[in-house]
PDB file of N, CA and C in Angstrom:
ATOM      1  N   MET A   1      29.848  -0.778   3.161  1.00  0.00           N
ATOM      2  CA  MET A   1      28.713  -0.953   2.354  1.00  0.00           C
ATOM      3  C   MET A   1      27.667   0.101   2.111  1.00  0.00           C
ATOM      4  N   SER A   2      27.365   0.072   0.825  1.00  0.00           N
ATOM      5  CA  SER A   2      26.492   1.366   0.411  1.00  0.00           C
ATOM      6  C   SER A   2      24.979   1.326   0.482  1.00  0.00           C
ATOM      7  N   LYS A   3      24.425   2.610   1.498  1.00  0.00           N
ATOM      8  CA  LYS A   3      22.716   2.803   1.375  1.00  0.00           C
ATOM      9  C   LYS A   3      21.868   2.689   0.670  1.00  0.00           C
ATOM     10  N   ARG A   4      20.737   1.759   0.499  1.00  0.00           N
ATOM     11  CA  ARG A   4      19.673   2.063  -0.322  1.00  0.00           C
ATOM     12  C   ARG A   4      19.264   3.226  -0.671  1.00  0.00           C
ATOM     13  N   LYS A   5      18.809   3.896  -2.055  1.00  0.00           N
ATOM     14  CA  LYS A   5      18.199   5.034  -2.022  1.00  0.00           C
ATOM     15  C   LYS A   5      17.178   4.881  -2.066  1.00  0.00           C
ATOM     16  N   ASN A   6      16.339   5.416  -1.439  1.00  0.00           N
ATOM     17  CA  ASN A   6      14.815   5.872  -1.392  1.00  0.00           C
ATOM     18  C   ASN A   6      14.712   7.024  -2.396  1.00  0.00           C
ATOM     19  N   HIS A   7      13.883   6.357  -3.623  1.00  0.00           N
ATOM     20  CA  HIS A   7      13.324   7.637  -4.470  1.00  0.00           C
ATOM     21  C   HIS A   7      12.237   7.862  -4.686  1.00  0.00           C
ATOM     22  N   ASN A   8      11.571   9.336  -4.486  1.00  0.00           N
ATOM     23  CA  ASN A   8      10.305   9.503  -4.052  1.00  0.00           C
ATOM     24  C   ASN A   8       9.540   9.424  -5.743  1.00  0.00           C
ATOM     25  N   PRO A   9       8.145   9.263  -5.236  1.00  0.00           N
ATOM     26  CA  PRO A   9       7.194   8.607  -6.542  1.00  0.00           C
ATOM     27  C   PRO A   9       7.185   9.752  -7.512  1.00  0.00           C
ATOM     28  N   ALA A  10       7.365  10.921  -7.600  1.00  0.00           N
ATOM     29  CA  ALA A  10       7.602  11.830  -8.289  1.00  0.00           C
ATOM     30  C   ALA A  10       8.546  11.196  -9.629  1.00  0.00           C
ATOM     31  N   PHE A  11       9.931  11.233  -8.839  1.00  0.00           N
ATOM     32  CA  PHE A  11      11.020  10.551  -9.103  1.00  0.00           C
ATOM     33  C   PHE A  11      11.197   9.539 -10.519  1.00  0.00           C
ATOM     34  N   LYS A  12      10.109   8.387  -9.809  1.00  0.00           N
ATOM     35  CA  LYS A  12       9.989   7.350 -10.459  1.00  0.00           C
ATOM     36  C   LYS A  12       8.905   7.616 -11.349  1.00  0.00           C
ATOM     37  N   ALA A  13       8.200   8.459 -11.150  1.00  0.00           N
ATOM     38  CA  ALA A  13       7.210   8.417 -12.713  1.00  0.00           C
ATOM     39  C   ALA A  13       7.626   9.229 -13.862  1.00  0.00           C
ATOM     40  N   ARG A  14       8.891   9.975 -13.110  1.00  0.00           N
ATOM     41  CA  ARG A  14       9.806  11.021 -14.492  1.00  0.00           C
ATOM     42  C   ARG A  14      10.485   9.954 -15.181  1.00  0.00           C
ATOM     43  N   VAL A  15      11.283   8.973 -14.212  1.00  0.00           N
ATOM     44  CA  VAL A  15      11.808   8.205 -15.334  1.00  0.00           C
ATOM     45  C   VAL A  15      10.950   6.965 -15.641  1.00  0.00           C
ATOM     46  N   ALA A  16      10.532   6.700 -15.300  1.00  0.00           N
ATOM     47  CA  ALA A  16       9.015   6.129 -16.168  1.00  0.00           C
ATOM     48  C   ALA A  16       8.498   6.426 -17.554  1.00  0.00           C
ATOM     49  N   LEU A  17       8.095   7.582 -17.168  1.00  0.00           N
ATOM     50  CA  LEU A  17       7.696   7.935 -18.658  1.00  0.00           C
ATOM     51  C   LEU A  17       8.601   8.303 -19.581  1.00  0.00           C
ATOM     52  N   GLU A  18       9.621   8.491 -19.298  1.00  0.00           N
ATOM     53  CA  GLU A  18      10.863   8.618 -19.768  1.00  0.00           C
ATOM     54  C   GLU A  18      11.165   7.537 -20.824  1.00  0.00           C
ATOM     55  N   ALA A  19      11.329   6.596 -19.813  1.00  0.00           N
ATOM     56  CA  ALA A  19      11.386   5.223 -20.651  1.00  0.00           C
ATOM     57  C   ALA A  19      10.472   4.644 -21.559  1.00  0.00           C
ATOM     58  N   LEU A  20       8.926   4.933 -21.133  1.00  0.00           N
ATOM     59  CA  LEU A  20       8.179   4.833 -22.164  1.00  0.00           C
ATOM     60  C   LEU A  20       8.045   5.291 -23.165  1.00  0.00           C
ATOM     61  N   LYS A  21       8.514   6.978 -23.348  1.00  0.00           N
ATOM     62  CA  LYS A  21       8.570   8.219 -24.545  1.00  0.00           C
ATOM     63  C   LYS A  21       9.512   7.264 -25.679  1.00  0.00           C
ATOM     64  N   GLY A  22      10.280   6.630 -24.982  1.00  0.00           N
ATOM     65  CA  GLY A  22      11.223   5.649 -25.796  1.00  0.00           C
ATOM     66  C   GLY A  22      12.580   6.234 -26.691  1.00  0.00           C
ATOM     67  N   GLU A  23      12.917   7.479 -26.180  1.00  0.00           N
ATOM     68  CA  GLU A  23      13.883   8.500 -27.003  1.00  0.00           C
ATOM     69  C   GLU A  23      15.123   8.034 -26.862  1.00  0.00           C
ATOM     70  N   GLN A  24      15.351   7.775 -25.500  1.00  0.00           N
ATOM     71  CA  GLN A  24      16.456   7.516 -25.343  1.00  0.00           C
ATOM     72  C   GLN A  24      16.404   5.626 -24.794  1.00  0.00           C
ATOM     73  N   THR A  25      17.840   5.263 -24.924  1.00  0.00           N
ATOM     74  CA  THR A  25      17.405   3.938 -24.030  1.00  0.00           C
ATOM     75  C   THR A  25      17.719   3.655 -22.651  1.00  0.00           C
ATOM     76  N   VAL A  26      17.464   2.631 -22.145  1.00  0.00           N
ATOM     77  CA  VAL A  26      16.821   2.598 -20.708  1.00  0.00           C
ATOM     78  C   VAL A  26      18.605   2.457 -20.209  1.00  0.00           C
ATOM     79  N   THR A  27      19.917   2.303 -21.149  1.00  0.00           N
ATOM     80  CA  THR A  27      20.975   2.340 -20.233  1.00  0.00           C
ATOM     81  C   THR A  27      21.411   3.664 -20.380  1.00  0.00           C
ATOM     82  N   GLU A  28      20.970   4.500 -21.346  1.00  0.00           N
ATOM     83  CA  GLU A  28      21.511   5.783 -21.423  1.00  0.00           C
ATOM     84  C   GLU A  28      20.855   6.661 -20.381  1.00  0.00           C
ATOM     85  N   LEU A  29      18.974   6.320 -20.148  1.00  0.00           N
ATOM     86  CA  LEU A  29      18.715   6.662 -18.751  1.00  0.00           C
ATOM     87  C   LEU A  29      19.047   6.516 -17.387  1.00  0.00           C
ATOM     88  N   ALA A  30      19.515   5.167 -17.160  1.00  0.00           N
ATOM     89  CA  ALA A  30      19.959   5.078 -16.123  1.00  0.00           C
ATOM     90  C   ALA A  30      21.314   6.179 -15.940  1.00  0.00           C
ATOM     91  N   SER A  31      22.390   5.840 -16.573  1.00  0.00           N
ATOM     92  CA  SER A  31      23.635   6.419 -16.229  1.00  0.00           C
ATOM     93  C   SER A  31      22.777   8.067 -16.209  1.00  0.00           C
ATOM     94  N   ARG A  32      22.009   8.635 -16.678  1.00  0.00           N
ATOM     95  CA  ARG A  32      21.526  10.379 -16.669  1.00  0.00           C
ATOM     96  C   ARG A  32      21.013  10.517 -15.328  1.00  0.00           C
ATOM     97  N   PHE A  33      20.010   9.331 -14.873  1.00  0.00           N
ATOM     98  CA  PHE A  33      19.133   9.618 -13.313  1.00  0.00           C
ATOM     99  C   PHE A  33      19.893   8.965 -12.270  1.00  0.00           C
ATOM    100  N   GLY A  34      20.891   7.924 -12.974  1.00  0.00           N
ATOM    101  CA  GLY A  34      21.626   7.260 -11.408  1.00  0.00           C
ATOM    102  C   GLY A  34      21.122   6.310 -11.201  1.00  0.00           C
ATOM    103  N   VAL A  35      20.313   5.532 -11.747  1.00  0.00           N
ATOM    104  CA  VAL A  35      19.308   4.325 -11.244  1.00  0.00           C
ATOM    105  C   VAL A  35      20.042   3.211 -12.282  1.00  0.00           C
ATOM    106  N   HIS A  36      19.898   1.615 -11.597  1.00  0.00           N
ATOM    107  CA  HIS A  36      19.945   0.728 -12.217  1.00  0.00           C
ATOM    108  C   HIS A  36      18.866   0.387 -13.487  1.00  0.00           C
ATOM    109  N   PRO A  37      19.313  -0.512 -14.926  1.00  0.00           N
ATOM    110  CA  PRO A  37      18.555  -0.397 -15.370  1.00  0.00           C
ATOM    111  C   PRO A  37      17.405  -1.453 -15.115  1.00  0.00           C
ATOM    112  N   THR A  38      17.740  -1.831 -14.078  1.00  0.00           N
ATOM    113  CA  THR A  38      17.046  -3.371 -13.720  1.00  0.00           C
ATOM    114  C   THR A  38      15.354  -2.347 -13.032  1.00  0.00           C
ATOM    115  N   GLN A  39      16.095  -1.341 -12.446  1.00  0.00           N
ATOM    116  CA  GLN A  39      14.952  -0.795 -11.995  1.00  0.00           C
ATOM    117  C   GLN A  39      13.842   0.095 -12.700  1.00  0.00           C
ATOM    118  N   ILE A  40      14.706   0.629 -13.937  1.00  0.00           N
ATOM    119  CA  ILE A  40      13.676   1.749 -14.675  1.00  0.00           C
ATOM    120  C   ILE A  40      12.998   0.717 -15.257  1.00  0.00           C
ATOM    121  N   HIS A  41      13.026  -0.618 -15.192  1.00  0.00           N
ATOM    122  CA  HIS A  41      11.952  -1.560 -16.277  1.00  0.00           C
ATOM    123  C   HIS A  41      11.471  -2.063 -14.773  1.00  0.00           C
ATOM    124  N   GLN A  42      11.904  -2.050 -14.074  1.00  0.00           N
ATOM    125  CA  GLN A  42      10.370  -2.362 -12.919  1.00  0.00           C
ATOM    126  C   GLN A  42       9.853  -1.269 -12.830  1.00  0.00           C
ATOM    127  N   TRP A  43      10.036  -0.185 -12.565  1.00  0.00           N
ATOM    128  CA  TRP A  43       9.246   1.063 -12.458  1.00  0.00           C
ATOM    129  C   TRP A  43       8.455   1.438 -14.283  1.00  0.00           C
ATOM    130  N   LYS A  44       8.876   1.009 -15.292  1.00  0.00           N
ATOM    131  CA  LYS A  44       8.243   1.368 -16.596  1.00  0.00           C
ATOM    132  C   LYS A  44       6.912   0.043 -16.379  1.00  0.00           C
ATOM    133  N   ARG A  45       7.464  -1.367 -16.211  1.00  0.00           N
ATOM    134  CA  ARG A  45       6.338  -2.085 -16.188  1.00  0.00           C
ATOM    135  C   ARG A  45       5.186  -1.550 -14.903  1.00  0.00           C
ATOM    136  N   SER A  46       5.373  -0.963 -13.620  1.00  0.00           N
ATOM    137  CA  SER A  46       4.208  -0.530 -12.814  1.00  0.00           C
ATOM    138  C   SER A  46       3.507   0.659 -13.195  1.00  0.00           C
ATOM    139  N   LEU A  47       4.362   1.227 -13.983  1.00  0.00           N
ATOM    140  CA  LEU A  47       3.562   2.322 -14.231  1.00  0.00           C
ATOM    141  C   LEU A  47       2.643   1.924 -15.991  1.00  0.00           C
ATOM    142  N   HIS A  48       2.988   0.776 -16.211  1.00  0.00           N
ATOM    143  CA  HIS A  48       2.222   0.542 -17.506  1.00  0.00           C
ATOM    144  C   HIS A  48       0.942  -0.165 -16.515  1.00  0.00           C
ATOM    145  N   GLU A  49       1.274  -1.205 -16.101  1.00  0.00           N
ATOM    146  CA  GLU A  49      -0.001  -1.858 -15.204  1.00  0.00           C
ATOM    147  C   GLU A  49      -0.793  -0.444 -14.509  1.00  0.00           C
ATOM    148  N   GLY A  50      -0.407   0.211 -13.661  1.00  0.00           N
ATOM    149  CA  GLY A  50      -0.983   0.813 -12.935  1.00  0.00           C
ATOM    150  C   GLY A  50      -2.059   2.230 -13.225  1.00  0.00           C
ATOM    151  N   ALA A  51      -1.308   1.936 -15.103  1.00  0.00           N
ATOM    152  CA  ALA A  51      -2.100   3.403 -15.884  1.00  0.00           C
ATOM    153  C   ALA A  51      -3.672   3.092 -15.964  1.00  0.00           C
ATOM    154  N   ALA A  52      -3.926   2.234 -16.014  1.00  0.00           N
ATOM    155  CA  ALA A  52      -6.086   2.375 -16.065  1.00  0.00           C
ATOM    156  C   ALA A  52      -6.295   2.628 -14.523  1.00  0.00           C
ATOM    157  N   GLU A  53      -5.648   2.421 -13.930  1.00  0.00           N
ATOM    158  CA  GLU A  53      -6.551   2.700 -12.222  1.00  0.00           C
ATOM    159  C   GLU A  53      -6.629   4.182 -12.357  1.00  0.00           C
ATOM    160  N   VAL A  54      -5.928   5.165 -13.077  1.00  0.00           N
ATOM    161  CA  VAL A  54      -6.100   6.595 -12.885  1.00  0.00           C
ATOM    162  C   VAL A  54      -7.687   6.801 -13.735  1.00  0.00           C
ATOM    163  N   PHE A  55      -7.578   6.106 -14.544  1.00  0.00           N
ATOM    164  CA  PHE A  55      -8.945   6.473 -15.179  1.00  0.00           C
ATOM    165  C   PHE A  55     -10.189   5.819 -14.645  1.00  0.00           C
ATOM    166  N   GLU A  56     -10.035   4.770 -13.773  1.00  0.00           N
ATOM    167  CA  GLU A  56     -10.935   4.535 -13.374  1.00  0.00           C
ATOM    168  C   GLU A  56     -12.433   5.366 -12.175  1.00  0.00           C
ATOM    169  N   ARG A  57     -13.634   5.206 -12.960  1.00  0.00           N
ATOM    170  CA  ARG A  57     -14.499   6.006 -12.372  1.00  0.00           C
ATOM    171  C   ARG A  57     -15.308   6.183 -10.871  1.00  0.00           C
ATOM    172  N   GLY A  58     -15.479   6.610 -10.329  1.00  0.00           N
ATOM    173  CA  GLY A  58     -16.094   6.554  -8.863  1.00  0.00           C
ATOM    174  C   GLY A  58     -15.342   5.666  -7.860  1.00  0.00           C
ATOM    175  N   GLN A  59     -13.983   5.556  -8.075  1.00  0.00           N
ATOM    176  CA  GLN A  59     -12.930   5.055  -7.209  1.00  0.00           C
ATOM    177  C   GLN A  59     -12.299   6.170  -6.853  1.00  0.00           C
ATOM    178  N   LYS A  60     -11.984   5.071  -4.666  1.00  0.00           N
ATOM    179  CA  LYS A  60     -11.203   6.186  -4.152  1.00  0.00           C
ATOM    180  C   LYS A  60      -9.489   6.630  -5.031  1.00  0.00           C
ATOM    181  N   THR A  61      -9.378   7.690  -4.830  1.00  0.00           N
ATOM    182  CA  THR A  61      -8.067   8.284  -5.877  1.00  0.00           C
ATOM    183  C   THR A  61      -6.930   7.833  -4.857  1.00  0.00           C
ATOM    184  N   LYS A  62      -7.313   8.409  -3.749  1.00  0.00           N
ATOM    185  CA  LYS A  62      -5.852   7.468  -2.614  1.00  0.00           C
ATOM    186  C   LYS A  62      -6.069   6.017  -2.492  1.00  0.00           C
ATOM    187  N   PRO A  63      -5.165   5.499  -1.928  1.00  0.00           N
ATOM    188  CA  PRO A  63      -5.717   3.842  -1.312  1.00  0.00           C
ATOM    189  C   PRO A  63      -6.123   4.414   0.146  1.00  0.00           C
ATOM    190  N   ALA A  64      -6.755   3.434   0.733  1.00  0.00           N
ATOM    191  CA  ALA A  64      -7.030   3.596   2.070  1.00  0.00           C
ATOM    192  C   ALA A  64      -6.344   3.742   2.740  1.00  0.00           C
ATOM    193  N   ASP A  65      -6.025   4.371   4.121  1.00  0.00           N
ATOM    194  CA  ASP A  65      -4.923   4.583   5.189  1.00  0.00           C
ATOM    195  C   ASP A  65      -5.305   3.557   5.756  1.00  0.00           C
ATOM    196  N   ASP A  66      -4.084   3.006   6.682  1.00  0.00           N
ATOM    197  CA  ASP A  66      -4.305   1.771   7.533  1.00  0.00           C
ATOM    198  C   ASP A  66      -5.188   2.915   8.980  1.00  0.00           C
ATOM    199  N   SER A  67      -5.508   3.661   9.101  1.00  0.00           N
ATOM    200  CA  SER A  67      -6.388   3.964  10.119  1.00  0.00           C
ATOM    201  C   SER A  67      -7.757   3.666  10.049  1.00  0.00           C
ATOM    202  N   ASP A  68      -8.391   3.186   8.826  1.00  0.00           N
ATOM    203  CA  ASP A  68      -9.619   2.588   8.560  1.00  0.00           C
ATOM    204  C   ASP A  68      -9.346   1.270   8.823  1.00  0.00           C
ATOM    205  N   VAL A  69      -7.962   0.197   8.662  1.00  0.00           N
ATOM    206  CA  VAL A  69      -7.869  -0.913   8.562  1.00  0.00           C
ATOM    207  C   VAL A  69      -8.097  -1.332  10.082  1.00  0.00           C
ATOM    208  N   LYS A  70      -7.007  -0.119  10.878  1.00  0.00           N
ATOM    209  CA  LYS A  70      -7.290  -0.118  12.564  1.00  0.00           C
ATOM    210  C   LYS A  70      -8.668  -0.292  13.140  1.00  0.00           C
ATOM    211  N   VAL A  71      -8.963   1.005  12.855  1.00  0.00           N
ATOM    212  CA  VAL A  71     -10.386   0.926  12.981  1.00  0.00           C
ATOM    213  C   VAL A  71     -11.512  -0.301  13.434  1.00  0.00           C
ATOM    214  N   LYS A  72     -11.125  -1.060  11.921  1.00  0.00           N
ATOM    215  CA  LYS A  72     -11.994  -1.953  11.681  1.00  0.00           C
ATOM    216  C   LYS A  72     -11.463  -2.960  12.602  1.00  0.00           C
ATOM    217  N   ALA A  73     -10.222  -3.554  12.595  1.00  0.00           N
ATOM    218  CA  ALA A  73      -9.532  -4.332  13.961  1.00  0.00           C
ATOM    219  C   ALA A  73      -9.935  -4.022  15.076  1.00  0.00           C
ATOM    220  N   LEU A  74      -9.820  -2.899  15.509  1.00  0.00           N
ATOM    221  CA  LEU A  74     -10.624  -2.439  17.066  1.00  0.00           C
ATOM    222  C   LEU A  74     -12.320  -3.023  17.147  1.00  0.00           C
ATOM    223  N   HIS A  75     -12.708  -2.807  16.242  1.00  0.00           N
ATOM    224  CA  HIS A  75     -14.479  -3.081  16.489  1.00  0.00           C
ATOM    225  C   HIS A  75     -14.563  -4.523  16.032  1.00  0.00           C
ATOM    226  N   ALA A  76     -13.754  -5.008  15.437  1.00  0.00           N
ATOM    227  CA  ALA A  76     -13.464  -6.690  15.590  1.00  0.00           C
ATOM    228  C   ALA A  76     -13.176  -7.064  17.090  1.00  0.00           C
ATOM    229  N   LYS A  77     -12.405  -6.376  17.581  1.00  0.00           N
ATOM    230  CA  LYS A  77     -11.686  -6.679  18.866  1.00  0.00           C
ATOM    231  C   LYS A  77     -12.739  -6.501  20.105  1.00  0.00           C
ATOM    232  N   ILE A  78     -13.064  -5.598  19.913  1.00  0.00           N
ATOM    233  CA  ILE A  78     -14.615  -5.217  20.999  1.00  0.00           C
ATOM    234  C   ILE A  78     -15.882  -5.856  21.040  1.00  0.00           C
ATOM    235  N   GLY A  79     -15.989  -6.036  19.549  1.00  0.00           N
ATOM    236  CA  GLY A  79     -16.989  -7.593  19.569  1.00  0.00           C
ATOM    237  C   GLY A  79     -16.925  -8.481  20.255  1.00  0.00           C
ATOM    238  N   GLU A  80     -15.666  -9.121  20.027  1.00  0.00           N
ATOM    239  CA  GLU A  80     -14.743 -10.259  19.888  1.00  0.00           C
ATOM    240  C   GLU A  80     -14.987 -10.596  21.673  1.00  0.00           C
ATOM    241  N   LEU A  81     -15.121  -9.498  22.421  1.00  0.00           N
ATOM    242  CA  LEU A  81     -14.768  -9.280  24.038  1.00  0.00           C
ATOM    243  C   LEU A  81     -15.832  -9.113  24.798  1.00  0.00           C
ATOM    244  N   ALA A  82     -16.749  -8.438  23.780  1.00  0.00           N
ATOM    245  CA  ALA A  82     -18.402  -8.284  23.987  1.00  0.00           C
ATOM    246  C   ALA A  82     -18.675  -9.692  24.392  1.00  0.00           C
ATOM    247  N   VAL A  83     -18.679 -10.311  23.266  1.00  0.00           N
ATOM    248  CA  VAL A  83     -19.424 -12.062  23.364  1.00  0.00           C
ATOM    249  C   VAL A  83     -18.204 -12.532  24.318  1.00  0.00           C
ATOM    250  N   ALA A  84     -17.263 -12.369  24.746  1.00  0.00           N
ATOM    251  CA  ALA A  84     -16.706 -13.569  25.617  1.00  0.00           C
ATOM    252  C   ALA A  84     -17.101 -12.910  27.098  1.00  0.00           C
ATOM    253  N   ASN A  85     -17.473 -11.753  27.388  1.00  0.00           N
ATOM    254  CA  ASN A  85     -18.108 -10.850  28.759  1.00  0.00           C
ATOM    255  C   ASN A  85     -19.374 -11.659  28.666  1.00  0.00           C
ATOM    256  N   ASP A  86     -20.127 -11.779  27.499  1.00  0.00           N
ATOM    257  CA  ASP A  86     -21.614 -12.253  27.825  1.00  0.00           C
ATOM    258  C   ASP A  86     -21.948 -13.865  28.693  1.00  0.00           C
ATOM    259  N   PHE A  87     -20.891 -14.357  27.486  1.00  0.00           N
ATOM    260  CA  PHE A  87     -21.013 -15.943  27.850  1.00  0.00           C
ATOM    261  C   PHE A  87     -19.975 -15.913  29.344  1.00  0.00           C
ATOM    262  N   LEU A  88     -19.316 -15.453  29.743  1.00  0.00           N
ATOM    263  CA  LEU A  88     -18.855 -15.635  31.696  1.00  0.00           C
ATOM    264  C   LEU A  88     -20.004 -15.140  32.029  1.00  0.00           C
ATOM    265  N   ARG A  89     -20.422 -13.981  31.518  1.00  0.00           N
ATOM    266  CA  ARG A  89     -21.740 -13.376  33.060  1.00  0.00           C
ATOM    267  C   ARG A  89     -22.651 -14.359  32.819  1.00  0.00           C
ATOM    268  N   GLU A  90     -23.012 -15.073  31.623  1.00  0.00           N
ATOM    269  CA  GLU A  90     -24.316 -16.423  31.624  1.00  0.00           C
ATOM    270  C   GLU A  90     -23.688 -17.501  32.578  1.00  0.00           C
ATOM    271  N   LYS A  91     -22.364 -17.539  32.585  1.00  0.00           N
ATOM    272  CA  LYS A  91     -21.778 -18.727  33.641  1.00  0.00           C
ATOM    273  C   LYS A  91     -21.676 -19.066  34.594  1.00  0.00           C
ATOM    274  N   LEU A  92     -21.348 -17.838  35.245  1.00  0.00           N
ATOM    275  CA  LEU A  92     -20.890 -17.311  36.781  1.00  0.00           C
ATOM    276  C   LEU A  92     -22.308 -16.974  36.771  1.00  0.00           C
ATOM    277  N   ALA A  93     -23.436 -16.274  36.593  1.00  0.00           N
ATOM    278  CA  ALA A  93     -24.351 -15.552  37.157  1.00  0.00           C
ATOM    279  C   ALA A  93     -25.445 -16.611  38.437  1.00  0.00           C
ATOM    280  N   PRO A  94     -24.637 -18.210  38.005  1.00  0.00           N
ATOM    281  CA  PRO A  94     -25.406 -18.825  39.453  1.00  0.00           C
ATOM    282  C   PRO A  94     -24.541 -18.901  40.841  1.00  0.00           C
ATOM    283  N   TRP A  95     -23.199 -18.187  40.483  1.00  0.00           N
ATOM    284  CA  TRP A  95     -22.411 -17.612  42.047  1.00  0.00           C
ATOM    285  C   TRP A  95     -22.129 -16.276  42.136  1.00  0.00           C
ATOM    286  N   ILE A  96     -22.724 -15.571  41.331  1.00  0.00           N
ATOM    287  CA  ILE A  96     -22.241 -13.823  41.631  1.00  0.00           C
ATOM    288  C   ILE A  96     -24.017 -13.673  42.624  1.00  0.00           C
ATOM    289  N   ASP A  97     -25.463 -14.195  42.014  1.00  0.00           N
ATOM    290  CA  ASP A  97     -26.655 -14.145  42.727  1.00  0.00           C
ATOM    291  C   ASP A  97     -26.508 -14.497  43.838  1.00  0.00           C
ATOM    292  N   LYS A  98     -26.059 -15.308  44.205  1.00  0.00           N
ATOM    293  CA  LYS A  98     -26.390 -15.915  45.446  1.00  0.00           C
ATOM    294  C   LYS A  98     -25.983 -14.760  46.547  1.00  0.00           C
TER     295      LYS A  98
END
């Protein structure tokens, strides 16, 4: 069984740009770059759909890394635990204050 190839984004962009140029057919590009024609069509479609994002102003150029997501999740968990602690402190006050 063969392993899947993981192509880097630069390679995908180069192949998709070649496909957009239209100087060669997708079949010719597939044999030249050693990838399946369907994959080239997918990369070409992704490039075409995502091209507008390159020219957006005021937006981040890089997607938010998952550390921001982790920090937000941790802050939510801290808030959740703080509410639970406050609730328990109120309910247990009669027994603790004796």
